[in-house]
């Protein structure tokens, strides 16, 4: 991971998603489903769906169109 794909302070690190984050991202959405239902679109329970989202976000970043940040660590 390069410096440009991470924002860090003493208390928080935000980073771009990585291909291996799909299981953790799925677990986050399952764990917080009831709390986020009012704002988040419905999410599937398939890790492949989350892997596809990560691949899309990384492609957008490489193309210079958008960045996504995670605080999962």
N, C-alpha and C. Protein backbone atom coordinates (compact mmCIF):
# COMPACT_ATOMS: atom_id res chain seq x y z
N UNK A 1 0.85 -1.18 0.00
CA UNK A 1 0.00 0.00 0.00
C UNK A 1 0.89 1.23 0.00
N UNK A 2 0.55 2.19 -0.78
CA UNK A 2 1.34 3.42 -0.87
C UNK A 2 0.86 4.44 0.15
N UNK A 3 1.70 5.44 0.40
CA UNK A 3 1.32 6.50 1.31
C UNK A 3 0.05 7.21 0.88
N UNK A 4 -0.17 7.36 -0.41
CA UNK A 4 -1.32 8.11 -0.90
C UNK A 4 -2.63 7.37 -0.68
N UNK A 5 -2.59 6.10 -0.34
CA UNK A 5 -3.83 5.36 -0.14
C UNK A 5 -4.17 5.20 1.33
N UNK A 6 -3.58 6.06 2.18
CA UNK A 6 -3.81 5.97 3.61
C UNK A 6 -3.76 7.35 4.24
N UNK A 7 -4.65 7.58 5.18
CA UNK A 7 -4.65 8.81 5.97
C UNK A 7 -4.53 8.38 7.43
N UNK A 8 -3.52 8.85 8.12
CA UNK A 8 -3.31 8.38 9.50
C UNK A 8 -3.11 9.56 10.44
N UNK A 9 -3.70 9.42 11.63
CA UNK A 9 -3.46 10.33 12.74
C UNK A 9 -3.04 9.47 13.92
N UNK A 10 -2.83 10.09 15.05
CA UNK A 10 -2.46 9.33 16.25
C UNK A 10 -3.57 8.38 16.69
N UNK A 11 -4.81 8.70 16.38
CA UNK A 11 -5.93 7.90 16.87
C UNK A 11 -6.68 7.12 15.80
N UNK A 12 -6.45 7.40 14.53
CA UNK A 12 -7.27 6.80 13.48
C UNK A 12 -6.46 6.61 12.22
N UNK A 13 -6.70 5.49 11.56
CA UNK A 13 -6.12 5.26 10.24
C UNK A 13 -7.25 4.95 9.27
N UNK A 14 -7.35 5.72 8.23
CA UNK A 14 -8.28 5.47 7.13
C UNK A 14 -7.44 4.96 5.97
N UNK A 15 -7.91 3.92 5.31
CA UNK A 15 -7.17 3.38 4.18
C UNK A 15 -8.13 2.92 3.11
N UNK A 16 -7.61 2.83 1.90
CA UNK A 16 -8.43 2.31 0.82
C UNK A 16 -8.68 0.82 1.06
N UNK A 17 -9.80 0.32 0.59
CA UNK A 17 -10.05 -1.11 0.76
C UNK A 17 -9.02 -1.93 -0.01
N UNK A 18 -8.75 -3.11 0.49
CA UNK A 18 -7.86 -4.06 -0.17
C UNK A 18 -8.66 -5.30 -0.53
N UNK A 19 -8.19 -6.04 -1.50
CA UNK A 19 -8.91 -7.23 -1.97
C UNK A 19 -9.24 -8.19 -0.83
N UNK A 20 -8.36 -8.32 0.14
CA UNK A 20 -8.58 -9.25 1.24
C UNK A 20 -9.54 -8.77 2.31
N UNK A 21 -10.11 -7.58 2.16
CA UNK A 21 -11.02 -7.01 3.17
C UNK A 21 -12.46 -7.51 3.06
N UNK A 22 -12.79 -8.25 2.03
CA UNK A 22 -14.19 -8.64 1.81
C UNK A 22 -14.81 -9.37 3.00
N UNK A 23 -14.15 -10.37 3.61
CA UNK A 23 -14.78 -11.04 4.76
C UNK A 23 -15.03 -10.10 5.93
N UNK A 24 -14.08 -9.21 6.21
CA UNK A 24 -14.25 -8.27 7.31
C UNK A 24 -15.34 -7.24 7.01
N UNK A 25 -15.42 -6.81 5.76
CA UNK A 25 -16.47 -5.87 5.36
C UNK A 25 -17.85 -6.52 5.47
N UNK A 26 -17.96 -7.76 5.05
CA UNK A 26 -19.22 -8.51 5.20
C UNK A 26 -19.59 -8.62 6.68
N UNK A 27 -18.63 -9.00 7.52
CA UNK A 27 -18.91 -9.13 8.96
C UNK A 27 -19.37 -7.80 9.56
N UNK A 28 -18.76 -6.70 9.14
CA UNK A 28 -19.17 -5.39 9.61
C UNK A 28 -20.63 -5.11 9.24
N UNK A 29 -21.00 -5.37 7.98
CA UNK A 29 -22.37 -5.10 7.55
C UNK A 29 -23.38 -6.01 8.23
N UNK A 30 -23.03 -7.25 8.45
CA UNK A 30 -23.93 -8.17 9.16
C UNK A 30 -24.11 -7.71 10.61
N UNK A 31 -23.00 -7.37 11.25
CA UNK A 31 -23.02 -6.96 12.66
C UNK A 31 -23.81 -5.66 12.85
N UNK A 32 -23.79 -4.76 11.88
CA UNK A 32 -24.42 -3.44 12.03
C UNK A 32 -25.68 -3.26 11.19
N UNK A 33 -26.20 -4.35 10.65
CA UNK A 33 -27.35 -4.27 9.74
C UNK A 33 -28.53 -3.50 10.34
N UNK A 34 -28.93 -3.83 11.56
CA UNK A 34 -30.10 -3.18 12.16
C UNK A 34 -29.87 -1.69 12.37
N UNK A 35 -28.68 -1.31 12.73
CA UNK A 35 -28.37 0.10 12.99
C UNK A 35 -28.30 0.90 11.70
N UNK A 36 -27.83 0.29 10.61
CA UNK A 36 -27.60 1.02 9.36
C UNK A 36 -28.76 0.93 8.36
N UNK A 37 -29.77 0.14 8.65
CA UNK A 37 -30.82 -0.14 7.67
C UNK A 37 -31.49 1.14 7.14
N UNK A 38 -31.58 2.18 7.94
CA UNK A 38 -32.25 3.41 7.50
C UNK A 38 -31.45 4.17 6.44
N UNK A 39 -30.13 3.98 6.40
CA UNK A 39 -29.28 4.77 5.50
C UNK A 39 -28.58 3.95 4.43
N UNK A 40 -28.33 2.71 4.70
CA UNK A 40 -27.58 1.86 3.78
C UNK A 40 -28.50 1.06 2.88
N UNK A 41 -28.12 0.86 1.64
CA UNK A 41 -28.90 -0.04 0.79
C UNK A 41 -28.78 -1.46 1.32
N UNK A 42 -29.73 -2.32 1.00
CA UNK A 42 -29.62 -3.72 1.46
C UNK A 42 -28.33 -4.34 0.95
N UNK A 43 -27.67 -5.08 1.80
CA UNK A 43 -26.42 -5.75 1.45
C UNK A 43 -26.64 -7.25 1.52
N UNK A 44 -26.02 -7.98 0.62
CA UNK A 44 -26.12 -9.43 0.62
C UNK A 44 -25.23 -10.05 1.67
N UNK A 45 -25.41 -11.34 1.87
CA UNK A 45 -24.61 -12.10 2.83
C UNK A 45 -23.53 -12.91 2.14
N UNK A 46 -23.19 -12.53 0.92
CA UNK A 46 -22.20 -13.26 0.14
C UNK A 46 -20.91 -12.46 0.10
N UNK A 47 -19.81 -13.09 0.51
CA UNK A 47 -18.52 -12.39 0.52
C UNK A 47 -18.13 -11.95 -0.89
N UNK A 48 -18.57 -12.67 -1.91
CA UNK A 48 -18.24 -12.31 -3.30
C UNK A 48 -18.85 -10.95 -3.66
N UNK A 49 -20.01 -10.62 -3.14
CA UNK A 49 -20.63 -9.32 -3.40
C UNK A 49 -19.76 -8.20 -2.83
N UNK A 50 -19.23 -8.41 -1.64
CA UNK A 50 -18.36 -7.41 -1.03
C UNK A 50 -17.02 -7.33 -1.75
N UNK A 51 -16.52 -8.44 -2.22
CA UNK A 51 -15.28 -8.44 -3.01
C UNK A 51 -15.48 -7.67 -4.31
N UNK A 52 -16.65 -7.81 -4.92
CA UNK A 52 -16.94 -7.08 -6.16
C UNK A 52 -17.02 -5.57 -5.88
N UNK A 53 -17.60 -5.19 -4.75
CA UNK A 53 -17.66 -3.77 -4.39
C UNK A 53 -16.25 -3.21 -4.22
N UNK A 54 -15.38 -3.97 -3.54
CA UNK A 54 -13.99 -3.54 -3.35
C UNK A 54 -13.29 -3.39 -4.69
N UNK A 55 -13.46 -4.36 -5.58
CA UNK A 55 -12.83 -4.29 -6.90
C UNK A 55 -13.31 -3.05 -7.66
N UNK A 56 -14.59 -2.75 -7.58
CA UNK A 56 -15.14 -1.56 -8.24
C UNK A 56 -14.53 -0.29 -7.66
N UNK A 57 -14.46 -0.20 -6.33
CA UNK A 57 -13.92 1.00 -5.70
C UNK A 57 -12.44 1.19 -6.02
N UNK A 58 -11.68 0.09 -6.07
CA UNK A 58 -10.26 0.19 -6.43
C UNK A 58 -10.09 0.63 -7.88
N UNK A 59 -10.95 0.14 -8.76
CA UNK A 59 -10.89 0.55 -10.17
C UNK A 59 -11.21 2.04 -10.30
N UNK A 60 -12.18 2.52 -9.56
CA UNK A 60 -12.52 3.95 -9.58
C UNK A 60 -11.35 4.78 -9.08
N UNK A 61 -10.67 4.31 -8.06
CA UNK A 61 -9.52 5.02 -7.52
C UNK A 61 -8.38 5.07 -8.53
N UNK A 62 -8.08 3.92 -9.14
CA UNK A 62 -7.00 3.88 -10.13
C UNK A 62 -7.29 4.80 -11.32
N UNK A 63 -8.57 4.93 -11.66
CA UNK A 63 -8.96 5.79 -12.78
C UNK A 63 -9.01 7.27 -12.39
N UNK A 64 -8.84 7.56 -11.11
CA UNK A 64 -8.86 8.94 -10.65
C UNK A 64 -10.24 9.53 -10.49
N UNK A 65 -11.27 8.68 -10.43
CA UNK A 65 -12.64 9.19 -10.34
C UNK A 65 -13.17 9.30 -8.92
N UNK A 66 -12.68 8.45 -8.01
CA UNK A 66 -13.22 8.46 -6.65
C UNK A 66 -12.28 7.70 -5.72
N UNK A 67 -12.40 7.98 -4.45
CA UNK A 67 -11.67 7.24 -3.44
C UNK A 67 -12.66 6.77 -2.38
N UNK A 68 -12.43 5.59 -1.85
CA UNK A 68 -13.21 5.07 -0.74
C UNK A 68 -12.24 4.80 0.40
N UNK A 69 -12.70 5.02 1.62
CA UNK A 69 -11.85 4.86 2.79
C UNK A 69 -12.53 3.95 3.79
N UNK A 70 -11.74 3.08 4.42
CA UNK A 70 -12.24 2.18 5.46
C UNK A 70 -11.49 2.46 6.76
N UNK A 71 -12.16 2.24 7.85
CA UNK A 71 -11.55 2.32 9.20
C UNK A 71 -11.84 1.00 9.89
N UNK A 72 -11.29 -0.08 9.39
CA UNK A 72 -11.59 -1.41 9.91
C UNK A 72 -10.52 -1.95 10.85
N UNK A 73 -9.32 -1.46 10.77
CA UNK A 73 -8.21 -2.03 11.55
C UNK A 73 -8.31 -1.68 13.02
